């Protein structure tokens, strides 16, 4: 009887794991950007600030954070970023401060954008993979198709990165 009970418990466990696999795999795919497979890095809000920014055409305030590899490259003045570099740009709508003309604070969040350096995996896009997320979900492939073209057109002299280190 004990042997039958062991097999029954084992069969139930295998069934539960097997049944949950499509959900776990689907969730991981749903979290990754199309084309590049980039995800929002765990713990990125604890990374160091690289620089703030403003994009007036979009009426946004932005901050770029970098992982330890990115920070070291910036601090060392590297001309190119090493594999393993990860940059995250956070963006918010600008919100005027009442009574202080020209002063703004962050309003509602708009996007989280991610760049990951992996020269082998992203050889066709200068070694960088891209992800753009709204409310934690990646935007469509059409928007991701524009990432490298913009970086190539405007930041090719700085390893396709717009943001310079704020000292």
C-alpha atoms as a PDB file:
ATOM      1  CA  UNK A   1       0.000   0.000   0.000  1.00  0.00           C
ATOM      2  CA  UNK A   2       2.864   2.418   0.819  1.00  0.00           C
ATOM      3  CA  UNK A   3       4.456   1.808  -2.571  1.00  0.00           C
ATOM      4  CA  UNK A   4       1.165   2.631  -4.339  1.00  0.00           C
ATOM      5  CA  UNK A   5       0.818   5.821  -2.268  1.00  0.00           C
ATOM      6  CA  UNK A   6       4.378   6.903  -3.181  1.00  0.00           C
ATOM      7  CA  UNK A   7       3.690   6.390  -6.883  1.00  0.00           C
ATOM      8  CA  UNK A   8       0.389   8.254  -6.652  1.00  0.00           C
ATOM      9  CA  UNK A   9       2.039  11.237  -4.949  1.00  0.00           C
ATOM     10  CA  UNK A  10       4.854  11.220  -7.509  1.00  0.00           C
ATOM     11  CA  UNK A  11       2.358  11.094 -10.397  1.00  0.00           C
ATOM     12  CA  UNK A  12       0.399  14.036  -8.973  1.00  0.00           C
ATOM     13  CA  UNK A  13       3.593  16.065  -8.498  1.00  0.00           C
ATOM     14  CA  UNK A  14       4.738  15.412 -12.078  1.00  0.00           C
ATOM     15  CA  UNK A  15       1.270  16.303 -13.393  1.00  0.00           C
ATOM     16  CA  UNK A  16       1.254  19.604 -11.473  1.00  0.00           C
ATOM     17  CA  UNK A  17       4.727  20.565 -12.693  1.00  0.00           C
ATOM     18  CA  UNK A  18       3.941  19.603 -16.283  1.00  0.00           C
ATOM     19  CA  UNK A  19       0.634  21.474 -16.227  1.00  0.00           C
ATOM     20  CA  UNK A  20       2.289  24.630 -14.901  1.00  0.00           C
ATOM     21  CA  UNK A  21       5.183  24.696 -17.412  1.00  0.00           C
ATOM     22  CA  UNK A  22       3.279  26.378 -20.267  1.00  0.00           C
ATOM     23  CA  UNK A  23       2.215  29.159 -17.910  1.00  0.00           C
ATOM     24  CA  UNK A  24       5.738  29.726 -16.602  1.00  0.00           C
ATOM     25  CA  UNK A  25       7.262  29.638 -20.091  1.00  0.00           C
ATOM     26  CA  UNK A  26       4.499  31.853 -21.518  1.00  0.00           C
ATOM     27  CA  UNK A  27       5.006  34.352 -18.698  1.00  0.00           C
ATOM     28  CA  UNK A  28       8.726  34.574 -19.415  1.00  0.00           C
ATOM     29  CA  UNK A  29       8.065  35.109 -23.145  1.00  0.00           C
ATOM     30  CA  UNK A  30       5.427  37.736 -22.378  1.00  0.00           C
ATOM     31  CA  UNK A  31       7.964  39.661 -20.293  1.00  0.00           C
ATOM     32  CA  UNK A  32      10.632  39.762 -23.023  1.00  0.00           C
ATOM     33  CA  UNK A  33      10.884  42.362 -25.750  1.00  0.00           C
ATOM     34  CA  UNK A  34      10.125  41.158 -29.263  1.00  0.00           C
ATOM     35  CA  UNK A  35      13.121  40.837 -31.611  1.00  0.00           C
ATOM     36  CA  UNK A  36      15.740  41.122 -28.828  1.00  0.00           C
ATOM     37  CA  UNK A  37      14.330  39.039 -25.956  1.00  0.00           C
ATOM     38  CA  UNK A  38      15.373  41.684 -23.417  1.00  0.00           C
ATOM     39  CA  UNK A  39      13.580  41.766 -20.056  1.00  0.00           C
ATOM     40  CA  UNK A  40      13.435  44.329 -17.274  1.00  0.00           C
ATOM     41  CA  UNK A  41      16.393  43.435 -15.023  1.00  0.00           C
ATOM     42  CA  UNK A  42      15.638  42.392 -11.451  1.00  0.00           C
ATOM     43  CA  UNK A  43      16.782  44.938  -8.882  1.00  0.00           C
ATOM     44  CA  UNK A  44      17.455  47.700 -11.418  1.00  0.00           C
ATOM     45  CA  UNK A  45      15.972  50.375  -9.116  1.00  0.00           C
ATOM     46  CA  UNK A  46      18.972  49.823  -6.810  1.00  0.00           C
ATOM     47  CA  UNK A  47      21.493  50.542  -9.585  1.00  0.00           C
ATOM     48  CA  UNK A  48      23.504  53.771  -9.687  1.00  0.00           C
ATOM     49  CA  UNK A  49      22.354  56.894 -11.460  1.00  0.00           C
ATOM     50  CA  UNK A  50      24.281  57.537 -14.660  1.00  0.00           C
ATOM     51  CA  UNK A  51      22.545  60.805 -15.562  1.00  0.00           C
ATOM     52  CA  UNK A  52      19.170  62.542 -15.596  1.00  0.00           C
ATOM     53  CA  UNK A  53      17.692  63.903 -18.791  1.00  0.00           C
ATOM     54  CA  UNK A  54      14.790  65.762 -20.276  1.00  0.00           C
ATOM     55  CA  UNK A  55      12.973  65.246 -23.525  1.00  0.00           C
ATOM     56  CA  UNK A  56      10.941  68.378 -24.153  1.00  0.00           C
ATOM     57  CA  UNK A  57       9.213  67.075 -27.287  1.00  0.00           C
ATOM     58  CA  UNK A  58       7.656  64.343 -25.167  1.00  0.00           C
ATOM     59  CA  UNK A  59       7.366  66.570 -22.081  1.00  0.00           C
ATOM     60  CA  UNK A  60       9.260  63.943 -20.055  1.00  0.00           C
ATOM     61  CA  UNK A  61      11.883  63.756 -17.351  1.00  0.00           C
ATOM     62  CA  UNK A  62      14.220  60.780 -17.608  1.00  0.00           C
ATOM     63  CA  UNK A  63      16.891  59.059 -15.566  1.00  0.00           C
ATOM     64  CA  UNK A  64      19.348  56.435 -16.742  1.00  0.00           C
ATOM     65  CA  UNK A  65      20.562  53.828 -14.262  1.00  0.00           C
ATOM     66  CA  UNK A  66      23.427  51.410 -14.850  1.00  0.00           C
ATOM     67  CA  UNK A  67      24.488  48.064 -13.459  1.00  0.00           C
ATOM     68  CA  UNK A  68      27.959  47.685 -11.914  1.00  0.00           C
ATOM     69  CA  UNK A  69      29.521  46.871 -15.307  1.00  0.00           C
ATOM     70  CA  UNK A  70      28.073  50.036 -16.847  1.00  0.00           C
ATOM     71  CA  UNK A  71      29.141  52.229 -13.921  1.00  0.00           C
ATOM     72  CA  UNK A  72      32.725  50.913 -14.074  1.00  0.00           C
ATOM     73  CA  UNK A  73      32.884  51.535 -17.841  1.00  0.00           C
ATOM     74  CA  UNK A  74      31.623  55.094 -17.385  1.00  0.00           C
ATOM     75  CA  UNK A  75      34.011  55.772 -14.488  1.00  0.00           C
ATOM     76  CA  UNK A  76      36.953  54.342 -16.440  1.00  0.00           C
ATOM     77  CA  UNK A  77      36.071  56.514 -19.450  1.00  0.00           C
ATOM     78  CA  UNK A  78      35.760  53.456 -21.698  1.00  0.00           C
ATOM     79  CA  UNK A  79      35.254  54.237 -25.375  1.00  0.00           C
ATOM     80  CA  UNK A  80      33.153  51.091 -25.754  1.00  0.00           C
ATOM     81  CA  UNK A  81      31.003  49.334 -23.210  1.00  0.00           C
ATOM     82  CA  UNK A  82      31.901  45.734 -22.297  1.00  0.00           C
ATOM     83  CA  UNK A  83      29.547  42.806 -22.630  1.00  0.00           C
ATOM     84  CA  UNK A  84      27.343  42.578 -19.560  1.00  0.00           C
ATOM     85  CA  UNK A  85      26.623  46.322 -19.517  1.00  0.00           C
ATOM     86  CA  UNK A  86      22.979  47.037 -18.775  1.00  0.00           C
ATOM     87  CA  UNK A  87      21.354  50.463 -18.870  1.00  0.00           C
ATOM     88  CA  UNK A  88      17.787  51.262 -17.828  1.00  0.00           C
ATOM     89  CA  UNK A  89      16.066  54.513 -18.727  1.00  0.00           C
ATOM     90  CA  UNK A  90      13.076  55.486 -16.608  1.00  0.00           C
ATOM     91  CA  UNK A  91      10.716  58.120 -18.002  1.00  0.00           C
ATOM     92  CA  UNK A  92       7.939  60.172 -16.434  1.00  0.00           C
ATOM     93  CA  UNK A  93       5.694  62.973 -17.591  1.00  0.00           C
ATOM     94  CA  UNK A  94       6.868  66.372 -16.316  1.00  0.00           C
ATOM     95  CA  UNK A  95       4.617  67.775 -13.619  1.00  0.00           C
ATOM     96  CA  UNK A  96       4.886  71.499 -12.819  1.00  0.00           C
ATOM     97  CA  UNK A  97       5.523  72.473  -9.223  1.00  0.00           C
ATOM     98  CA  UNK A  98       2.722  74.808  -8.153  1.00  0.00           C
ATOM     99  CA  UNK A  99       3.983  78.341  -7.550  1.00  0.00           C
ATOM    100  CA  UNK A 100       7.504  77.718  -8.908  1.00  0.00           C
ATOM    101  CA  UNK A 101       7.593  78.782 -12.543  1.00  0.00           C
ATOM    102  CA  UNK A 102       9.824  76.474 -14.575  1.00  0.00           C
ATOM    103  CA  UNK A 103      10.182  73.859 -11.822  1.00  0.00           C
ATOM    104  CA  UNK A 104       9.070  70.293 -12.505  1.00  0.00           C
ATOM    105  CA  UNK A 105       8.884  66.958 -10.717  1.00  0.00           C
ATOM    106  CA  UNK A 106       8.058  63.511 -12.003  1.00  0.00           C
ATOM    107  CA  UNK A 107       4.448  62.799 -12.849  1.00  0.00           C
ATOM    108  CA  UNK A 108       3.043  59.492 -14.127  1.00  0.00           C
ATOM    109  CA  UNK A 109       5.559  56.923 -15.384  1.00  0.00           C
ATOM    110  CA  UNK A 110       5.605  56.480 -19.156  1.00  0.00           C
ATOM    111  CA  UNK A 111       8.227  53.865 -20.055  1.00  0.00           C
ATOM    112  CA  UNK A 112      11.105  51.734 -18.885  1.00  0.00           C
ATOM    113  CA  UNK A 113      13.704  51.239 -21.605  1.00  0.00           C
ATOM    114  CA  UNK A 114      16.543  48.728 -21.389  1.00  0.00           C
ATOM    115  CA  UNK A 115      19.811  48.285 -23.289  1.00  0.00           C
ATOM    116  CA  UNK A 116      21.881  45.112 -22.854  1.00  0.00           C
ATOM    117  CA  UNK A 117      25.377  44.712 -24.312  1.00  0.00           C
ATOM    118  CA  UNK A 118      26.107  41.248 -25.710  1.00  0.00           C
ATOM    119  CA  UNK A 119      28.359  41.492 -28.761  1.00  0.00           C
ATOM    120  CA  UNK A 120      27.723  37.945 -29.964  1.00  0.00           C
ATOM    121  CA  UNK A 121      23.971  37.821 -29.465  1.00  0.00           C
ATOM    122  CA  UNK A 122      23.308  41.312 -30.861  1.00  0.00           C
ATOM    123  CA  UNK A 123      26.072  41.557 -33.475  1.00  0.00           C
ATOM    124  CA  UNK A 124      23.730  43.022 -36.103  1.00  0.00           C
ATOM    125  CA  UNK A 125      22.728  45.910 -33.806  1.00  0.00           C
ATOM    126  CA  UNK A 126      26.121  47.114 -32.657  1.00  0.00           C
ATOM    127  CA  UNK A 127      26.226  44.579 -29.811  1.00  0.00           C
ATOM    128  CA  UNK A 128      23.119  45.973 -28.111  1.00  0.00           C
ATOM    129  CA  UNK A 129      19.733  44.440 -27.398  1.00  0.00           C
ATOM    130  CA  UNK A 130      16.814  46.720 -26.651  1.00  0.00           C
ATOM    131  CA  UNK A 131      13.607  46.572 -24.652  1.00  0.00           C
ATOM    132  CA  UNK A 132      10.873  49.153 -24.227  1.00  0.00           C
ATOM    133  CA  UNK A 133       8.174  48.507 -21.650  1.00  0.00           C
ATOM    134  CA  UNK A 134       4.956  50.240 -20.681  1.00  0.00           C
ATOM    135  CA  UNK A 135       3.345  49.172 -17.418  1.00  0.00           C
ATOM    136  CA  UNK A 136       5.892  46.349 -17.208  1.00  0.00           C
ATOM    137  CA  UNK A 137       4.940  44.855 -20.585  1.00  0.00           C
ATOM    138  CA  UNK A 138       7.026  45.034 -23.755  1.00  0.00           C
ATOM    139  CA  UNK A 139       5.730  47.172 -26.601  1.00  0.00           C
ATOM    140  CA  UNK A 140       5.216  45.687 -30.058  1.00  0.00           C
ATOM    141  CA  UNK A 141       7.878  44.611 -32.540  1.00  0.00           C
ATOM    142  CA  UNK A 142       7.320  47.644 -34.776  1.00  0.00           C
ATOM    143  CA  UNK A 143       8.480  49.974 -32.007  1.00  0.00           C
ATOM    144  CA  UNK A 144      11.503  47.776 -31.264  1.00  0.00           C
ATOM    145  CA  UNK A 145      12.510  47.860 -34.932  1.00  0.00           C
ATOM    146  CA  UNK A 146      13.206  51.600 -34.544  1.00  0.00           C
ATOM    147  CA  UNK A 147      15.598  51.319 -31.561  1.00  0.00           C
ATOM    148  CA  UNK A 148      18.908  50.596 -33.229  1.00  0.00           C
ATOM    149  CA  UNK A 149      18.283  52.868 -36.225  1.00  0.00           C
ATOM    150  CA  UNK A 150      17.850  55.840 -33.891  1.00  0.00           C
ATOM    151  CA  UNK A 151      20.891  54.941 -31.787  1.00  0.00           C
ATOM    152  CA  UNK A 152      22.941  54.359 -34.931  1.00  0.00           C
ATOM    153  CA  UNK A 153      21.912  57.707 -36.433  1.00  0.00           C
ATOM    154  CA  UNK A 154      22.488  59.800 -33.315  1.00  0.00           C
ATOM    155  CA  UNK A 155      24.939  58.013 -30.996  1.00  0.00           C
ATOM    156  CA  UNK A 156      27.281  55.922 -33.153  1.00  0.00           C
ATOM    157  CA  UNK A 157      30.341  57.842 -31.918  1.00  0.00           C
ATOM    158  CA  UNK A 158      29.642  56.737 -28.336  1.00  0.00           C
ATOM    159  CA  UNK A 159      29.032  52.983 -28.816  1.00  0.00           C
ATOM    160  CA  UNK A 160      25.376  53.711 -29.688  1.00  0.00           C
ATOM    161  CA  UNK A 161      24.652  55.113 -26.201  1.00  0.00           C
ATOM    162  CA  UNK A 162      23.120  58.576 -25.839  1.00  0.00           C
ATOM    163  CA  UNK A 163      23.759  59.082 -22.135  1.00  0.00           C
ATOM    164  CA  UNK A 164      27.062  60.442 -20.869  1.00  0.00           C
ATOM    165  CA  UNK A 165      28.081  60.105 -17.236  1.00  0.00           C
ATOM    166  CA  UNK A 166      26.978  63.037 -15.058  1.00  0.00           C
ATOM    167  CA  UNK A 167      29.947  63.914 -12.844  1.00  0.00           C
END
